Amino acid sequence: MAGPRHRGRRRIIGSVHQVSNVIGPGFLEKVYENALGVELGLAGLRVTQQQRIELRYRESLVGEFVADRLVEGCVIVWVNFGSPKAVVKRIVHGC
């Protein structure tokens, strides 16, 4: 039986493919980003776009960056919608 992490990953990837199939290629990245936010919400996942994240090492702030998408408050998702088919570049679990 698949654990919660695996099920969440499947919902994320399924949402990416749904957006890619419905919208198709040729639009600006922001269109795909917004559509993916809608699709993830429909899949029952909380998503924050362009989320600033602080990186800490031994309680010291060592950097920060902006995640394209933060899902469920702890999963960072990078997607490349630039090709005919969307490619999930990376899913990083932080919780």
C-alpha atoms as a PDB file:
ATOM      1  CA  MET A   1       0.000   0.000   0.000  1.00  0.00           C
ATOM      2  CA  ALA A   2       1.297   3.434  -0.941  1.00  0.00           C
ATOM      3  CA  GLY A   3       2.092   5.826   1.887  1.00  0.00           C
ATOM      4  CA  PRO A   4       0.852   9.415   2.151  1.00  0.00           C
ATOM      5  CA  ARG A   5       4.025  10.803   0.572  1.00  0.00           C
ATOM      6  CA  HIS A   6       3.608   8.558  -2.495  1.00  0.00           C
ATOM      7  CA  ARG A   7      -0.098   9.424  -2.837  1.00  0.00           C
ATOM      8  CA  GLY A   8       0.668  13.144  -2.627  1.00  0.00           C
ATOM      9  CA  ARG A   9       3.389  12.766  -5.232  1.00  0.00           C
ATOM     10  CA  ARG A  10       0.955  10.982  -7.562  1.00  0.00           C
ATOM     11  CA  ARG A  11      -1.604  13.780  -7.147  1.00  0.00           C
ATOM     12  CA  ILE A  12       1.047  16.415  -7.896  1.00  0.00           C
ATOM     13  CA  ILE A  13       2.296  14.643 -11.028  1.00  0.00           C
ATOM     14  CA  GLY A  14      -1.275  13.927 -12.157  1.00  0.00           C
ATOM     15  CA  SER A  15      -2.125  17.618 -11.771  1.00  0.00           C
ATOM     16  CA  VAL A  16       0.912  18.645 -13.835  1.00  0.00           C
ATOM     17  CA  HIS A  17      -0.082  16.271 -16.631  1.00  0.00           C
ATOM     18  CA  GLN A  18      -3.707  17.460 -16.541  1.00  0.00           C
ATOM     19  CA  VAL A  19      -2.646  21.094 -16.977  1.00  0.00           C
ATOM     20  CA  SER A  20      -0.252  20.170 -19.780  1.00  0.00           C
ATOM     21  CA  ASN A  21      -2.884  18.122 -21.619  1.00  0.00           C
ATOM     22  CA  VAL A  22      -5.672  20.691 -21.295  1.00  0.00           C
ATOM     23  CA  ILE A  23      -3.721  23.880 -22.048  1.00  0.00           C
ATOM     24  CA  GLY A  24      -1.064  22.490 -24.397  1.00  0.00           C
ATOM     25  CA  PRO A  25       2.183  24.228 -25.370  1.00  0.00           C
ATOM     26  CA  GLY A  26       2.859  27.825 -26.322  1.00  0.00           C
ATOM     27  CA  PHE A  27       1.812  29.998 -23.381  1.00  0.00           C
ATOM     28  CA  LEU A  28       3.816  32.013 -20.873  1.00  0.00           C
ATOM     29  CA  GLU A  29       5.010  30.168 -17.765  1.00  0.00           C
ATOM     30  CA  LYS A  30       2.695  32.217 -15.522  1.00  0.00           C
ATOM     31  CA  VAL A  31      -0.381  30.741 -17.269  1.00  0.00           C
ATOM     32  CA  TYR A  32       0.787  27.219 -16.434  1.00  0.00           C
ATOM     33  CA  GLU A  33       1.747  28.215 -12.898  1.00  0.00           C
ATOM     34  CA  ASN A  34      -1.718  29.646 -12.246  1.00  0.00           C
ATOM     35  CA  ALA A  35      -3.484  26.673 -13.849  1.00  0.00           C
ATOM     36  CA  LEU A  36      -1.386  24.256 -11.799  1.00  0.00           C
ATOM     37  CA  GLY A  37      -2.380  26.120  -8.641  1.00  0.00           C
ATOM     38  CA  VAL A  38      -6.042  25.622  -9.577  1.00  0.00           C
ATOM     39  CA  GLU A  39      -5.526  21.945 -10.456  1.00  0.00           C
ATOM     40  CA  LEU A  40      -3.628  21.185  -7.242  1.00  0.00           C
ATOM     41  CA  GLY A  41      -6.453  22.799  -5.284  1.00  0.00           C
ATOM     42  CA  LEU A  42      -8.987  20.627  -7.115  1.00  0.00           C
ATOM     43  CA  ALA A  43      -6.843  17.611  -6.159  1.00  0.00           C
ATOM     44  CA  GLY A  44      -7.300  18.582  -2.506  1.00  0.00           C
ATOM     45  CA  LEU A  45      -3.798  19.989  -2.010  1.00  0.00           C
ATOM     46  CA  ARG A  46      -2.889  23.372  -0.510  1.00  0.00           C
ATOM     47  CA  VAL A  47      -0.483  25.290  -2.722  1.00  0.00           C
ATOM     48  CA  THR A  48       1.388  28.570  -2.348  1.00  0.00           C
ATOM     49  CA  GLN A  49       3.045  30.100  -5.404  1.00  0.00           C
ATOM     50  CA  GLN A  50       6.312  32.037  -5.304  1.00  0.00           C
ATOM     51  CA  GLN A  51       6.887  31.241  -1.623  1.00  0.00           C
ATOM     52  CA  ARG A  52       9.966  32.743   0.039  1.00  0.00           C
ATOM     53  CA  ILE A  53      11.843  30.107   2.054  1.00  0.00           C
ATOM     54  CA  GLU A  54      14.676  30.662   4.507  1.00  0.00           C
ATOM     55  CA  LEU A  55      17.448  28.069   4.634  1.00  0.00           C
ATOM     56  CA  ARG A  56      19.000  27.411   8.004  1.00  0.00           C
ATOM     57  CA  TYR A  57      22.048  25.478   9.071  1.00  0.00           C
ATOM     58  CA  ARG A  58      22.431  24.812  12.794  1.00  0.00           C
ATOM     59  CA  GLU A  59      19.922  27.530  13.624  1.00  0.00           C
ATOM     60  CA  SER A  60      21.780  30.115  11.498  1.00  0.00           C
ATOM     61  CA  LEU A  61      20.217  31.683   8.427  1.00  0.00           C
ATOM     62  CA  VAL A  62      22.480  30.750   5.498  1.00  0.00           C
ATOM     63  CA  GLY A  63      20.304  31.733   2.553  1.00  0.00           C
ATOM     64  CA  GLU A  64      16.876  32.129   1.120  1.00  0.00           C
ATOM     65  CA  PHE A  65      15.139  31.502  -2.166  1.00  0.00           C
ATOM     66  CA  VAL A  66      11.707  31.639  -3.751  1.00  0.00           C
ATOM     67  CA  ALA A  67      10.069  28.293  -4.467  1.00  0.00           C
ATOM     68  CA  ASP A  68       7.901  28.179  -7.591  1.00  0.00           C
ATOM     69  CA  ARG A  69       5.287  26.134  -5.733  1.00  0.00           C
ATOM     70  CA  LEU A  70       5.067  25.005  -2.139  1.00  0.00           C
ATOM     71  CA  VAL A  71       2.509  22.206  -1.737  1.00  0.00           C
ATOM     72  CA  GLU A  72       1.041  21.305   1.658  1.00  0.00           C
ATOM     73  CA  GLY A  73       3.545  23.655   3.296  1.00  0.00           C
ATOM     74  CA  CYS A  74       6.484  21.300   2.799  1.00  0.00           C
ATOM     75  CA  VAL A  75       6.789  19.993  -0.780  1.00  0.00           C
ATOM     76  CA  ILE A  76       8.633  22.133  -3.325  1.00  0.00           C
ATOM     77  CA  VAL A  77       7.658  21.432  -6.936  1.00  0.00           C
ATOM     78  CA  TRP A  78       9.609  22.622  -9.993  1.00  0.00           C
ATOM     79  CA  VAL A  79       7.993  21.997 -13.372  1.00  0.00           C
ATOM     80  CA  ASN A  80       9.153  22.774 -16.909  1.00  0.00           C
ATOM     81  CA  PHE A  81       6.137  23.515 -19.088  1.00  0.00           C
ATOM     82  CA  GLY A  82       8.344  24.774 -21.942  1.00  0.00           C
ATOM     83  CA  SER A  83       8.305  21.610 -24.035  1.00  0.00           C
ATOM     84  CA  PRO A  84       5.319  19.949 -25.731  1.00  0.00           C
ATOM     85  CA  LYS A  85       4.875  17.827 -22.597  1.00  0.00           C
ATOM     86  CA  ALA A  86       5.358  19.121 -19.066  1.00  0.00           C
ATOM     87  CA  VAL A  87       8.310  17.684 -17.181  1.00  0.00           C
ATOM     88  CA  VAL A  88       8.383  17.534 -13.384  1.00  0.00           C
ATOM     89  CA  LYS A  89      11.960  18.617 -12.742  1.00  0.00           C
ATOM     90  CA  ARG A  90      12.023  17.997  -9.028  1.00  0.00           C
ATOM     91  CA  ILE A  91       9.831  17.296  -6.035  1.00  0.00           C
ATOM     92  CA  VAL A  92      11.516  17.957  -2.684  1.00  0.00           C
ATOM     93  CA  HIS A  93       9.835  16.830   0.537  1.00  0.00           C
ATOM     94  CA  GLY A  94      10.665  18.973   3.524  1.00  0.00           C
ATOM     95  CA  CYS A  95       8.432  17.401   6.135  1.00  0.00           C
END
